[in-house]
Amino acid sequence: NITEEIFNNPERGIQKYSEAKASNYSLISVSNLNNWKNGEDKVTILYRCFYLDTFLNSNISQAYLNNMQTDFNRVRDEGYKIIVRFAYTANQNASQPQPEKNQILAHIEQVKPILQANSDVLLTIQLGWIGVWGEWYYTGNSTEFGNEGNITVQQYQNRKEIVEATRNILPDAFYQLRYIDAKTQMYGQSFVGNIGFYNDAFLNNYCDQGTFPCNGGSQGTPTTTSDNYLQLQTETVPMTGETNGLNGNRTNCSNALLELNKYNWVTLNRDYHPQVWSGWINEGCRDEIVKRLGYRYILKYTKFTHNQNDLLFEFNVKNFGFANVF
């Protein structure tokens, strides 16, 4: 019999949102982790954005670093994996969302030993550091990094320097960028095997608000090259993120299931966007989405053959999930 149960599985499924601001650090709640793990979504993934908002022109304090370690201990003790991002502001109107490049590089060196010591609980490290929410877009007209859609070759080189310093923390870990164009600007069309993507505007307008290079206006479609590119790039690296608003038929169940499968989705934020999730619940596809995020293997048959002193065991499985094991 094939179970329809939603159950805890590592490195896949629903993710929950959390953040830790230097100006007001709130440790991860053990009770929340436990409740989410045992609740209807059977959560084993936590997203955690570390906001270094009081360290624009200084090193990260030891107190902040100690709090980070406490958070990792709690994640480990509760059997979770964590998606990590570093940023400096969530204020889109901030005049200086990030420090200068050299200060960011110094911060990367500070968090390096903590991330290395806790590599066992890291699902992915999102390549933040730059712009509002660490999403690389609103960057306050930075001379080093550019702003929005106006980024020079040298400014992309500065961004790549941040990427490479972060990747140097754990060369075998998985990393994620927000935009396809950001990766191709830095690395061309070549396959950089451990850099995947997160999409925090899944199924929204303007080609997921910049995730894809776009043909047309607000309801344009991804370019064929970028569409094929994301399908290929997410076959072996994690695809994670969230929806961020209703968008007509694109956020309906039928299309959501199509695109979740097409782009090999592994985890999805349950906390955002609430109207999209309400729509999926009302349409009846919520359970299927939760079950199929990442991998979901069905045992099709087993066969035992006795040959003199040998017992041969054969089995066949099929993956009904949106993604492969990575």
C-alpha atoms as a PDB file:
ATOM      1  CA  ASN A   1       0.000   0.000   0.000  1.00  0.00           C
ATOM      2  CA  ILE A   2       1.220   3.513  -0.866  1.00  0.00           C
ATOM      3  CA  THR A   3       0.909   5.905   2.044  1.00  0.00           C
ATOM      4  CA  GLU A   4      -0.606   9.358   1.570  1.00  0.00           C
ATOM      5  CA  GLU A   5       0.879  10.487   4.879  1.00  0.00           C
ATOM      6  CA  ILE A   6       2.899  13.685   5.243  1.00  0.00           C
ATOM      7  CA  PHE A   7       5.957  12.686   7.263  1.00  0.00           C
ATOM      8  CA  ASN A   8       9.275  14.157   8.399  1.00  0.00           C
ATOM      9  CA  ASN A   9      12.072  13.701   5.915  1.00  0.00           C
ATOM     10  CA  PRO A  10      15.503  15.327   5.943  1.00  0.00           C
ATOM     11  CA  GLU A  11      16.484  18.079   3.497  1.00  0.00           C
ATOM     12  CA  ARG A  12      13.093  18.532   1.865  1.00  0.00           C
ATOM     13  CA  GLY A  13       9.569  19.841   2.385  1.00  0.00           C
ATOM     14  CA  ILE A  14       8.163  22.906   4.095  1.00  0.00           C
ATOM     15  CA  GLN A  15      10.577  25.483   5.485  1.00  0.00           C
ATOM     16  CA  LYS A  16       9.787  27.949   8.264  1.00  0.00           C
ATOM     17  CA  TYR A  17      11.012  31.548   8.377  1.00  0.00           C
ATOM     18  CA  SER A  18      13.149  33.186  11.060  1.00  0.00           C
ATOM     19  CA  GLU A  19      15.571  36.099  11.359  1.00  0.00           C
ATOM     20  CA  ALA A  20      18.164  37.341  13.841  1.00  0.00           C
ATOM     21  CA  LYS A  21      18.916  41.075  13.937  1.00  0.00           C
ATOM     22  CA  ALA A  22      22.041  42.332  15.639  1.00  0.00           C
ATOM     23  CA  SER A  23      20.020  45.267  16.971  1.00  0.00           C
ATOM     24  CA  ASN A  24      17.619  42.887  18.725  1.00  0.00           C
ATOM     25  CA  TYR A  25      18.783  39.273  18.581  1.00  0.00           C
ATOM     26  CA  SER A  26      16.082  36.707  19.220  1.00  0.00           C
ATOM     27  CA  LEU A  27      17.326  33.139  19.594  1.00  0.00           C
ATOM     28  CA  ILE A  28      15.573  30.346  17.749  1.00  0.00           C
ATOM     29  CA  SER A  29      12.718  29.019  19.876  1.00  0.00           C
ATOM     30  CA  VAL A  30      13.108  25.358  20.752  1.00  0.00           C
ATOM     31  CA  SER A  31       9.376  25.062  21.359  1.00  0.00           C
ATOM     32  CA  ASN A  32       8.646  26.467  17.906  1.00  0.00           C
ATOM     33  CA  LEU A  33      11.043  23.993  16.291  1.00  0.00           C
ATOM     34  CA  ASN A  34       9.384  21.142  18.157  1.00  0.00           C
ATOM     35  CA  ASN A  35       5.857  22.292  17.323  1.00  0.00           C
ATOM     36  CA  TRP A  36       6.638  22.709  13.630  1.00  0.00           C
ATOM     37  CA  LYS A  37       8.318  19.302  13.467  1.00  0.00           C
ATOM     38  CA  ASN A  38       5.310  17.590  15.034  1.00  0.00           C
ATOM     39  CA  GLY A  39       2.643  19.735  13.348  1.00  0.00           C
ATOM     40  CA  GLU A  40       0.713  19.009  10.166  1.00  0.00           C
ATOM     41  CA  ASP A  41       3.554  20.151   7.870  1.00  0.00           C
ATOM     42  CA  LYS A  42       6.194  17.909   9.530  1.00  0.00           C
ATOM     43  CA  VAL A  43       8.889  20.557   9.141  1.00  0.00           C
ATOM     44  CA  THR A  44      12.597  19.724   9.190  1.00  0.00           C
ATOM     45  CA  ILE A  45      13.918  22.868   7.441  1.00  0.00           C
ATOM     46  CA  LEU A  46      14.460  26.314   8.949  1.00  0.00           C
ATOM     47  CA  TYR A  47      15.351  29.433   6.977  1.00  0.00           C
ATOM     48  CA  ARG A  48      17.423  31.863   9.048  1.00  0.00           C
ATOM     49  CA  CYS A  49      18.487  35.336   7.913  1.00  0.00           C
ATOM     50  CA  PHE A  50      21.257  36.825  10.031  1.00  0.00           C
ATOM     51  CA  TYR A  51      20.889  40.623   9.846  1.00  0.00           C
ATOM     52  CA  LEU A  52      24.149  42.371  10.698  1.00  0.00           C
ATOM     53  CA  ASP A  53      22.426  45.753  10.881  1.00  0.00           C
ATOM     54  CA  THR A  54      24.628  47.292  13.591  1.00  0.00           C
ATOM     55  CA  PHE A  55      27.913  46.173  12.030  1.00  0.00           C
ATOM     56  CA  LEU A  56      28.002  48.316   8.883  1.00  0.00           C
ATOM     57  CA  ASN A  57      31.364  49.785   9.836  1.00  0.00           C
ATOM     58  CA  SER A  58      32.684  47.358  12.426  1.00  0.00           C
ATOM     59  CA  ASN A  59      33.402  43.720  13.067  1.00  0.00           C
ATOM     60  CA  ILE A  60      30.657  41.362  14.246  1.00  0.00           C
ATOM     61  CA  SER A  61      30.534  41.243  18.031  1.00  0.00           C
ATOM     62  CA  GLN A  62      31.470  38.099  19.924  1.00  0.00           C
ATOM     63  CA  ALA A  63      28.033  38.144  21.536  1.00  0.00           C
ATOM     64  CA  TYR A  64      26.381  37.897  18.102  1.00  0.00           C
ATOM     65  CA  LEU A  65      28.690  35.050  17.070  1.00  0.00           C
ATOM     66  CA  ASN A  66      27.917  33.214  20.329  1.00  0.00           C
ATOM     67  CA  ASN A  67      24.190  33.592  19.650  1.00  0.00           C
ATOM     68  CA  MET A  68      24.686  32.115  16.193  1.00  0.00           C
ATOM     69  CA  GLN A  69      26.306  29.040  17.734  1.00  0.00           C
ATOM     70  CA  THR A  70      23.436  28.666  20.194  1.00  0.00           C
ATOM     71  CA  ASP A  71      21.009  28.759  17.265  1.00  0.00           C
ATOM     72  CA  PHE A  72      22.934  26.044  15.427  1.00  0.00           C
ATOM     73  CA  ASN A  73      22.991  23.899  18.555  1.00  0.00           C
ATOM     74  CA  ARG A  74      19.217  24.155  18.856  1.00  0.00           C
ATOM     75  CA  VAL A  75      18.693  23.341  15.170  1.00  0.00           C
ATOM     76  CA  ARG A  76      20.880  20.267  15.514  1.00  0.00           C
ATOM     77  CA  ASP A  77      19.245  19.098  18.737  1.00  0.00           C
ATOM     78  CA  GLU A  78      15.782  19.253  17.141  1.00  0.00           C
ATOM     79  CA  GLY A  79      16.815  17.347  14.006  1.00  0.00           C
ATOM     80  CA  TYR A  80      16.578  20.244  11.546  1.00  0.00           C
ATOM     81  CA  LYS A  81      18.647  21.473   8.652  1.00  0.00           C
ATOM     82  CA  ILE A  82      19.044  25.225   8.141  1.00  0.00           C
ATOM     83  CA  ILE A  83      19.137  27.568   5.144  1.00  0.00           C
ATOM     84  CA  VAL A  84      21.397  30.510   5.994  1.00  0.00           C
ATOM     85  CA  ARG A  85      21.573  34.021   4.554  1.00  0.00           C
ATOM     86  CA  PHE A  86      23.449  37.114   5.716  1.00  0.00           C
ATOM     87  CA  ALA A  87      22.159  40.631   5.094  1.00  0.00           C
ATOM     88  CA  TYR A  88      22.406  44.112   6.541  1.00  0.00           C
ATOM     89  CA  THR A  89      18.940  45.583   6.140  1.00  0.00           C
ATOM     90  CA  ALA A  90      15.313  44.814   5.379  1.00  0.00           C
ATOM     91  CA  ASN A  91      14.599  48.513   4.781  1.00  0.00           C
ATOM     92  CA  GLN A  92      14.137  49.213   1.089  1.00  0.00           C
ATOM     93  CA  ASN A  93      14.577  52.947   1.740  1.00  0.00           C
ATOM     94  CA  ALA A  94      17.908  52.588   3.530  1.00  0.00           C
ATOM     95  CA  SER A  95      20.539  54.942   2.121  1.00  0.00           C
ATOM     96  CA  GLN A  96      23.398  52.489   2.763  1.00  0.00           C
ATOM     97  CA  PRO A  97      22.115  48.905   2.913  1.00  0.00           C
ATOM     98  CA  GLN A  98      25.572  47.336   3.075  1.00  0.00           C
ATOM     99  CA  PRO A  99      29.089  48.160   4.180  1.00  0.00           C
ATOM    100  CA  GLU A 100      32.014  48.508   1.836  1.00  0.00           C
ATOM    101  CA  LYS A 101      33.365  45.381   0.177  1.00  0.00           C
ATOM    102  CA  ASN A 102      36.360  45.013   2.502  1.00  0.00           C
ATOM    103  CA  GLN A 103      34.120  45.121   5.575  1.00  0.00           C
ATOM    104  CA  ILE A 104      31.888  42.419   4.108  1.00  0.00           C
ATOM    105  CA  LEU A 105      34.942  40.274   3.374  1.00  0.00           C
ATOM    106  CA  ALA A 106      36.029  40.717   6.991  1.00  0.00           C
ATOM    107  CA  HIS A 107      32.574  39.597   8.157  1.00  0.00           C
ATOM    108  CA  ILE A 108      32.790  36.521   5.942  1.00  0.00           C
ATOM    109  CA  GLU A 109      36.045  35.579   7.644  1.00  0.00           C
ATOM    110  CA  GLN A 110      34.397  36.028  11.051  1.00  0.00           C
ATOM    111  CA  VAL A 111      31.485  33.679  10.353  1.00  0.00           C
ATOM    112  CA  LYS A 112      33.670  31.175   8.507  1.00  0.00           C
ATOM    113  CA  PRO A 113      34.690  29.070  11.546  1.00  0.00           C
ATOM    114  CA  ILE A 114      31.103  28.946  12.830  1.00  0.00           C
ATOM    115  CA  LEU A 115      29.709  27.748   9.511  1.00  0.00           C
ATOM    116  CA  GLN A 116      32.523  25.233   9.175  1.00  0.00           C
ATOM    117  CA  ALA A 117      31.865  23.894  12.669  1.00  0.00           C
ATOM    118  CA  ASN A 118      28.167  23.480  11.877  1.00  0.00           C
ATOM    119  CA  SER A 119      28.355  22.222   8.308  1.00  0.00           C
ATOM    120  CA  ASP A 120      26.398  19.112   9.298  1.00  0.00           C
ATOM    121  CA  VAL A 121      23.185  21.134   9.758  1.00  0.00           C
ATOM    122  CA  LEU A 122      23.573  23.456   6.747  1.00  0.00           C
ATOM    123  CA  LEU A 123      21.202  22.741   3.875  1.00  0.00           C
ATOM    124  CA  THR A 124      22.380  25.680   1.782  1.00  0.00           C
ATOM    125  CA  ILE A 125      24.134  29.019   2.206  1.00  0.00           C
ATOM    126  CA  GLN A 126      22.367  31.730   0.247  1.00  0.00           C
ATOM    127  CA  LEU A 127      24.687  34.261  -1.359  1.00  0.00           C
ATOM    128  CA  GLY A 128      23.387  37.395   0.304  1.00  0.00           C
ATOM    129  CA  TRP A 129      25.472  40.191   1.864  1.00  0.00           C
ATOM    130  CA  ILE A 130      24.475  42.704  -0.837  1.00  0.00           C
ATOM    131  CA  GLY A 131      21.294  44.786  -0.994  1.00  0.00           C
ATOM    132  CA  VAL A 132      18.020  44.839   0.891  1.00  0.00           C
ATOM    133  CA  TRP A 133      17.226  41.370   2.347  1.00  0.00           C
ATOM    134  CA  GLY A 134      20.571  40.281   0.901  1.00  0.00           C
ATOM    135  CA  GLU A 135      18.823  39.825  -2.458  1.00  0.00           C
ATOM    136  CA  TRP A 136      21.368  41.769  -4.541  1.00  0.00           C
ATOM    137  CA  TYR A 137      18.869  44.302  -5.898  1.00  0.00           C
ATOM    138  CA  TYR A 138      18.306  47.506  -3.898  1.00  0.00           C
ATOM    139  CA  THR A 139      21.850  48.496  -3.022  1.00  0.00           C
ATOM    140  CA  GLY A 140      21.620  52.237  -2.365  1.00  0.00           C
ATOM    141  CA  ASN A 141      23.514  53.309  -5.502  1.00  0.00           C
ATOM    142  CA  SER A 142      26.654  51.645  -4.205  1.00  0.00           C
ATOM    143  CA  THR A 143      29.758  52.577  -6.195  1.00  0.00           C
ATOM    144  CA  GLU A 144      31.245  49.147  -5.501  1.00  0.00           C
ATOM    145  CA  PHE A 145      28.194  46.987  -6.282  1.00  0.00           C
ATOM    146  CA  GLY A 146      25.894  49.082  -8.507  1.00  0.00           C
ATOM    147  CA  ASN A 147      22.162  49.319  -8.007  1.00  0.00           C
ATOM    148  CA  GLU A 148      19.084  47.495  -9.322  1.00  0.00           C
ATOM    149  CA  GLY A 149      19.489  46.926 -13.072  1.00  0.00           C
ATOM    150  CA  ASN A 150      22.549  49.157 -13.497  1.00  0.00           C
ATOM    151  CA  ILE A 151      25.634  47.097 -12.677  1.00  0.00           C
ATOM    152  CA  THR A 152      28.956  47.432 -14.490  1.00  0.00           C
ATOM    153  CA  VAL A 153      31.434  44.674 -15.319  1.00  0.00           C
ATOM    154  CA  GLN A 154      33.682  45.820 -12.462  1.00  0.00           C
ATOM    155  CA  GLN A 155      30.765  45.895 -10.031  1.00  0.00           C
ATOM    156  CA  TYR A 156      29.888  42.327 -10.988  1.00  0.00           C
ATOM    157  CA  GLN A 157      33.508  41.450 -10.380  1.00  0.00           C
ATOM    158  CA  ASN A 158      33.191  42.916  -6.876  1.00  0.00           C
ATOM    159  CA  ARG A 159      30.057  40.839  -6.329  1.00  0.00           C
ATOM    160  CA  LYS A 160      31.856  37.750  -7.566  1.00  0.00           C
ATOM    161  CA  GLU A 161      34.616  38.425  -5.042  1.00  0.00           C
ATOM    162  CA  ILE A 162      31.971  38.242  -2.284  1.00  0.00           C
ATOM    163  CA  VAL A 163      30.602  35.024  -3.792  1.00  0.00           C
ATOM    164  CA  GLU A 164      34.005  33.362  -4.009  1.00  0.00           C
ATOM    165  CA  ALA A 165      34.940  34.364  -0.462  1.00  0.00           C
ATOM    166  CA  THR A 166      31.685  32.835   0.776  1.00  0.00           C
ATOM    167  CA  ARG A 167      32.130  29.663  -1.271  1.00  0.00           C
ATOM    168  CA  ASN A 168      35.606  29.330   0.180  1.00  0.00           C
ATOM    169  CA  ILE A 169      34.053  28.787   3.618  1.00  0.00           C
ATOM    170  CA  LEU A 170      32.860  25.301   2.649  1.00  0.00           C
ATOM    171  CA  PRO A 171      33.911  24.382  -0.901  1.00  0.00           C
ATOM    172  CA  ASP A 172      31.687  21.271  -0.949  1.00  0.00           C
ATOM    173  CA  ALA A 173      28.530  22.978   0.378  1.00  0.00           C
ATOM    174  CA  PHE A 174      25.551  24.139  -1.693  1.00  0.00           C
ATOM    175  CA  TYR A 175      25.157  27.859  -2.370  1.00  0.00           C
ATOM    176  CA  GLN A 176      22.264  29.784  -3.918  1.00  0.00           C
ATOM    177  CA  LEU A 177      21.844  33.029  -5.857  1.00  0.00           C
ATOM    178  CA  ARG A 178      18.618  34.999  -6.286  1.00  0.00           C
ATOM    179  CA  TYR A 179      18.819  35.779 -10.021  1.00  0.00           C
ATOM    180  CA  ILE A 180      19.805  33.782 -13.089  1.00  0.00           C
ATOM    181  CA  ASP A 181      21.343  36.882 -14.666  1.00  0.00           C
ATOM    182  CA  ALA A 182      23.633  37.378 -11.660  1.00  0.00           C
ATOM    183  CA  LYS A 183      25.145  33.931 -12.131  1.00  0.00           C
ATOM    184  CA  THR A 184      25.548  34.186 -15.886  1.00  0.00           C
ATOM    185  CA  GLN A 185      27.087  37.659 -15.599  1.00  0.00           C
ATOM    186  CA  MET A 186      29.740  36.267 -13.260  1.00  0.00           C
ATOM    187  CA  TYR A 187      30.248  32.768 -14.663  1.00  0.00           C
ATOM    188  CA  GLY A 188      28.754  32.758 -18.159  1.00  0.00           C
ATOM    189  CA  GLN A 189      26.715  29.743 -19.219  1.00  0.00           C
ATOM    190  CA  SER A 190      29.136  27.272 -17.665  1.00  0.00           C
ATOM    191  CA  PHE A 191      27.845  24.931 -14.997  1.00  0.00           C
ATOM    192  CA  VAL A 192      29.140  25.922 -11.566  1.00  0.00           C
ATOM    193  CA  GLY A 193      28.167  22.767  -9.800  1.00  0.00           C
ATOM    194  CA  ASN A 194      27.425  23.949  -6.278  1.00  0.00           C
ATOM    195  CA  ILE A 195      25.686  27.282  -7.008  1.00  0.00           C
ATOM    196  CA  GLY A 196      21.942  26.866  -7.268  1.00  0.00           C
ATOM    197  CA  PHE A 197      19.078  29.314  -6.883  1.00  0.00           C
ATOM    198  CA  TYR A 198      16.457  30.525  -4.474  1.00  0.00           C
ATOM    199  CA  ASN A 199      13.353  32.234  -5.826  1.00  0.00           C
ATOM    200  CA  ASP A 200      11.592  34.568  -3.392  1.00  0.00           C
ATOM    201  CA  ALA A 201       8.990  35.687  -5.940  1.00  0.00           C
ATOM    202  CA  PHE A 202       7.875  32.300  -7.235  1.00  0.00           C
ATOM    203  CA  LEU A 203       4.945  32.513  -9.671  1.00  0.00           C
ATOM    204  CA  ASN A 204       4.750  36.313  -9.562  1.00  0.00           C
ATOM    205  CA  ASN A 205       4.866  38.866 -12.364  1.00  0.00           C
ATOM    206  CA  TYR A 206       7.876  40.231 -14.269  1.00  0.00           C
ATOM    207  CA  CYS A 207       9.195  36.666 -14.621  1.00  0.00           C
ATOM    208  CA  ASP A 208       9.208  36.055 -10.882  1.00  0.00           C
ATOM    209  CA  GLN A 209      10.336  39.644 -10.330  1.00  0.00           C
ATOM    210  CA  GLY A 210      13.672  39.251 -12.000  1.00  0.00           C
ATOM    211  CA  THR A 211      14.461  35.606 -11.318  1.00  0.00           C
ATOM    212  CA  PHE A 212      14.464  35.034 -15.085  1.00  0.00           C
ATOM    213  CA  PRO A 213      15.579  37.343 -17.880  1.00  0.00           C
ATOM    214  CA  CYS A 214      12.184  38.244 -19.321  1.00  0.00           C
ATOM    215  CA  ASN A 215      10.403  38.574 -22.669  1.00  0.00           C
ATOM    216  CA  GLY A 216       7.633  41.183 -22.463  1.00  0.00           C
ATOM    217  CA  GLY A 217       6.107  43.252 -19.698  1.00  0.00           C
ATOM    218  CA  SER A 218       4.695  42.427 -16.288  1.00  0.00           C
ATOM    219  CA  GLN A 219       3.227  39.125 -17.460  1.00  0.00           C
ATOM    220  CA  GLY A 220       6.096  38.319 -19.806  1.00  0.00           C
ATOM    221  CA  THR A 221       7.665  34.897 -20.059  1.00  0.00           C
ATOM    222  CA  PRO A 222      11.214  33.772 -19.280  1.00  0.00           C
ATOM    223  CA  THR A 223      13.586  33.661 -22.210  1.00  0.00           C
ATOM    224  CA  THR A 224      13.954  30.160 -23.624  1.00  0.00           C
ATOM    225  CA  THR A 225      17.635  30.101 -22.704  1.00  0.00           C
ATOM    226  CA  SER A 226      16.983  31.031 -19.074  1.00  0.00           C
ATOM    227  CA  ASP A 227      14.049  28.639 -18.780  1.00  0.00           C
ATOM    228  CA  ASN A 228      16.160  25.715 -19.978  1.00  0.00           C
ATOM    229  CA  TYR A 229      19.074  26.915 -17.862  1.00  0.00           C
ATOM    230  CA  LEU A 230      17.117  26.854 -14.580  1.00  0.00           C
ATOM    231  CA  GLN A 231      15.641  23.430 -15.313  1.00  0.00           C
ATOM    232  CA  LEU A 232      19.137  22.027 -15.832  1.00  0.00           C
ATOM    233  CA  GLN A 233      20.835  23.882 -12.968  1.00  0.00           C
ATOM    234  CA  THR A 234      18.290  22.698 -10.402  1.00  0.00           C
ATOM    235  CA  GLU A 235      18.535  18.994 -11.242  1.00  0.00           C
ATOM    236  CA  THR A 236      21.454  18.499  -8.861  1.00  0.00           C
ATOM    237  CA  VAL A 237      21.406  21.562  -6.576  1.00  0.00           C
ATOM    238  CA  PRO A 238      18.619  22.697  -4.235  1.00  0.00           C
ATOM    239  CA  MET A 239      15.822  24.999  -5.446  1.00  0.00           C
ATOM    240  CA  THR A 240      14.164  26.817  -2.545  1.00  0.00           C
ATOM    241  CA  GLY A 241      12.225  30.012  -1.828  1.00  0.00           C
ATOM    242  CA  GLU A 242       8.741  31.407  -1.435  1.00  0.00           C
ATOM    243  CA  THR A 243       5.754  32.934  -3.170  1.00  0.00           C
ATOM    244  CA  ASN A 244       5.192  36.646  -2.552  1.00  0.00           C
ATOM    245  CA  GLY A 245       1.746  37.494  -3.902  1.00  0.00           C
ATOM    246  CA  LEU A 246      -1.297  36.326  -5.859  1.00  0.00           C
ATOM    247  CA  ASN A 247      -0.840  36.434  -9.622  1.00  0.00           C
ATOM    248  CA  GLY A 248      -3.945  35.164 -11.407  1.00  0.00           C
ATOM    249  CA  ASN A 249      -3.737  31.761 -13.040  1.00  0.00           C
ATOM    250  CA  ARG A 250      -0.006  31.412 -12.401  1.00  0.00           C
ATOM    251  CA  THR A 251      -0.579  30.918  -8.681  1.00  0.00           C
ATOM    252  CA  ASN A 252      -3.455  28.472  -9.196  1.00  0.00           C
ATOM    253  CA  CYS A 253      -2.920  24.845  -8.275  1.00  0.00           C
ATOM    254  CA  SER A 254      -2.569  23.488 -11.801  1.00  0.00           C
ATOM    255  CA  ASN A 255       0.212  25.868 -12.793  1.00  0.00           C
ATOM    256  CA  ALA A 256       1.907  25.834  -9.385  1.00  0.00           C
ATOM    257  CA  LEU A 257       2.256  22.041  -9.541  1.00  0.00           C
ATOM    258  CA  LEU A 258       3.575  22.302 -13.100  1.00  0.00           C
ATOM    259  CA  GLU A 259       6.289  24.824 -12.227  1.00  0.00           C
ATOM    260  CA  LEU A 260       7.247  23.219  -8.921  1.00  0.00           C
ATOM    261  CA  ASN A 261       7.983  20.056 -10.870  1.00  0.00           C
ATOM    262  CA  LYS A 262       9.590  21.840 -13.814  1.00  0.00           C
ATOM    263  CA  TYR A 263      12.145  23.643 -11.659  1.00  0.00           C
ATOM    264  CA  ASN A 264      12.822  20.809  -9.222  1.00  0.00           C
ATOM    265  CA  TRP A 265      11.635  22.499  -6.023  1.00  0.00           C
ATOM    266  CA  VAL A 266      13.025  21.132  -2.757  1.00  0.00           C
ATOM    267  CA  THR A 267      11.653  23.428  -0.037  1.00  0.00           C
ATOM    268  CA  LEU A 268       9.033  26.191   0.110  1.00  0.00           C
ATOM    269  CA  ASN A 269       8.308  28.792   2.785  1.00  0.00           C
ATOM    270  CA  ARG A 270       5.015  28.058   4.574  1.00  0.00           C
ATOM    271  CA  ASP A 271       4.859  31.547   6.112  1.00  0.00           C
ATOM    272  CA  TYR A 272       4.684  33.487   2.842  1.00  0.00           C
ATOM    273  CA  HIS A 273       2.613  34.335   0.910  1.00  0.00           C
ATOM    274  CA  PRO A 274      -0.481  33.532   3.054  1.00  0.00           C
ATOM    275  CA  GLN A 275      -3.000  34.267   0.280  1.00  0.00           C
ATOM    276  CA  VAL A 276      -1.224  31.909  -2.109  1.00  0.00           C
ATOM    277  CA  TRP A 277      -1.227  29.133   0.487  1.00  0.00           C
ATOM    278  CA  SER A 278      -4.903  29.806   1.248  1.00  0.00           C
ATOM    279  CA  GLY A 279      -5.647  29.421  -2.437  1.00  0.00           C
ATOM    280  CA  TRP A 280      -3.825  26.094  -2.588  1.00  0.00           C
ATOM    281  CA  ILE A 281      -5.723  24.885   0.463  1.00  0.00           C
ATOM    282  CA  ASN A 282      -9.072  25.938  -1.021  1.00  0.00           C
ATOM    283  CA  GLU A 283      -8.273  24.397  -4.414  1.00  0.00           C
ATOM    284  CA  GLY A 284      -7.111  21.186  -2.784  1.00  0.00           C
ATOM    285  CA  CYS A 285      -3.456  20.894  -3.829  1.00  0.00           C
ATOM    286  CA  ARG A 286      -1.777  21.886  -0.575  1.00  0.00           C
ATOM    287  CA  ASP A 287      -1.189  18.289   0.547  1.00  0.00           C
ATOM    288  CA  GLU A 288       0.233  17.247  -2.806  1.00  0.00           C
ATOM    289  CA  ILE A 289       2.655  20.172  -2.780  1.00  0.00           C
ATOM    290  CA  VAL A 290       3.866  19.402   0.747  1.00  0.00           C
ATOM    291  CA  LYS A 291       4.311  15.703  -0.055  1.00  0.00           C
ATOM    292  CA  ARG A 292       6.118  16.225  -3.355  1.00  0.00           C
ATOM    293  CA  LEU A 293       8.599  18.945  -2.369  1.00  0.00           C
ATOM    294  CA  GLY A 294      12.028  17.414  -2.835  1.00  0.00           C
ATOM    295  CA  TYR A 295      12.008  13.633  -3.237  1.00  0.00           C
ATOM    296  CA  ARG A 296       9.265  11.121  -2.391  1.00  0.00           C
ATOM    297  CA  TYR A 297      10.166   7.547  -3.251  1.00  0.00           C
ATOM    298  CA  ILE A 298       7.570   4.828  -3.702  1.00  0.00           C
ATOM    299  CA  LEU A 299       8.662   1.213  -3.425  1.00  0.00           C
ATOM    300  CA  LYS A 300       7.216  -0.515  -6.504  1.00  0.00           C
ATOM    301  CA  TYR A 301       8.314  -4.106  -5.907  1.00  0.00           C
ATOM    302  CA  THR A 302      10.914  -6.319  -4.258  1.00  0.00           C
ATOM    303  CA  LYS A 303      12.284  -9.657  -5.387  1.00  0.00           C
ATOM    304  CA  PHE A 304      14.304 -12.219  -3.436  1.00  0.00           C
ATOM    305  CA  THR A 305      16.174 -14.992  -5.235  1.00  0.00           C
ATOM    306  CA  HIS A 306      18.004 -17.806  -3.493  1.00  0.00           C
ATOM    307  CA  ASN A 307      21.000 -19.125  -5.404  1.00  0.00           C
ATOM    308  CA  GLN A 308      22.931 -21.782  -3.466  1.00  0.00           C
ATOM    309  CA  ASN A 309      24.641 -19.768  -0.698  1.00  0.00           C
ATOM    310  CA  ASP A 310      23.604 -16.356  -2.027  1.00  0.00           C
ATOM    311  CA  LEU A 311      20.409 -14.444  -1.346  1.00  0.00           C
ATOM    312  CA  LEU A 312      19.861 -11.876  -4.081  1.00  0.00           C
ATOM    313  CA  PHE A 313      17.700  -8.863  -3.351  1.00  0.00           C
ATOM    314  CA  GLU A 314      16.235  -6.683  -6.091  1.00  0.00           C
ATOM    315  CA  PHE A 315      13.982  -3.673  -5.613  1.00  0.00           C
ATOM    316  CA  ASN A 316      12.426  -0.994  -7.786  1.00  0.00           C
ATOM    317  CA  VAL A 317      11.484   2.530  -6.683  1.00  0.00           C
ATOM    318  CA  LYS A 318       9.926   5.532  -8.354  1.00  0.00           C
ATOM    319  CA  ASN A 319      10.391   9.154  -7.313  1.00  0.00           C
ATOM    320  CA  PHE A 320       7.090  11.047  -7.221  1.00  0.00           C
ATOM    321  CA  GLY A 321       8.745  14.163  -5.817  1.00  0.00           C
ATOM    322  CA  PHE A 322       9.514  17.395  -7.636  1.00  0.00           C
ATOM    323  CA  ALA A 323      13.289  16.974  -7.227  1.00  0.00           C
ATOM    324  CA  ASN A 324      16.119  14.519  -6.952  1.00  0.00           C
ATOM    325  CA  VAL A 325      18.071  13.711  -3.844  1.00  0.00           C
ATOM    326  CA  PHE A 326      21.138  15.959  -3.887  1.00  0.00           C
END
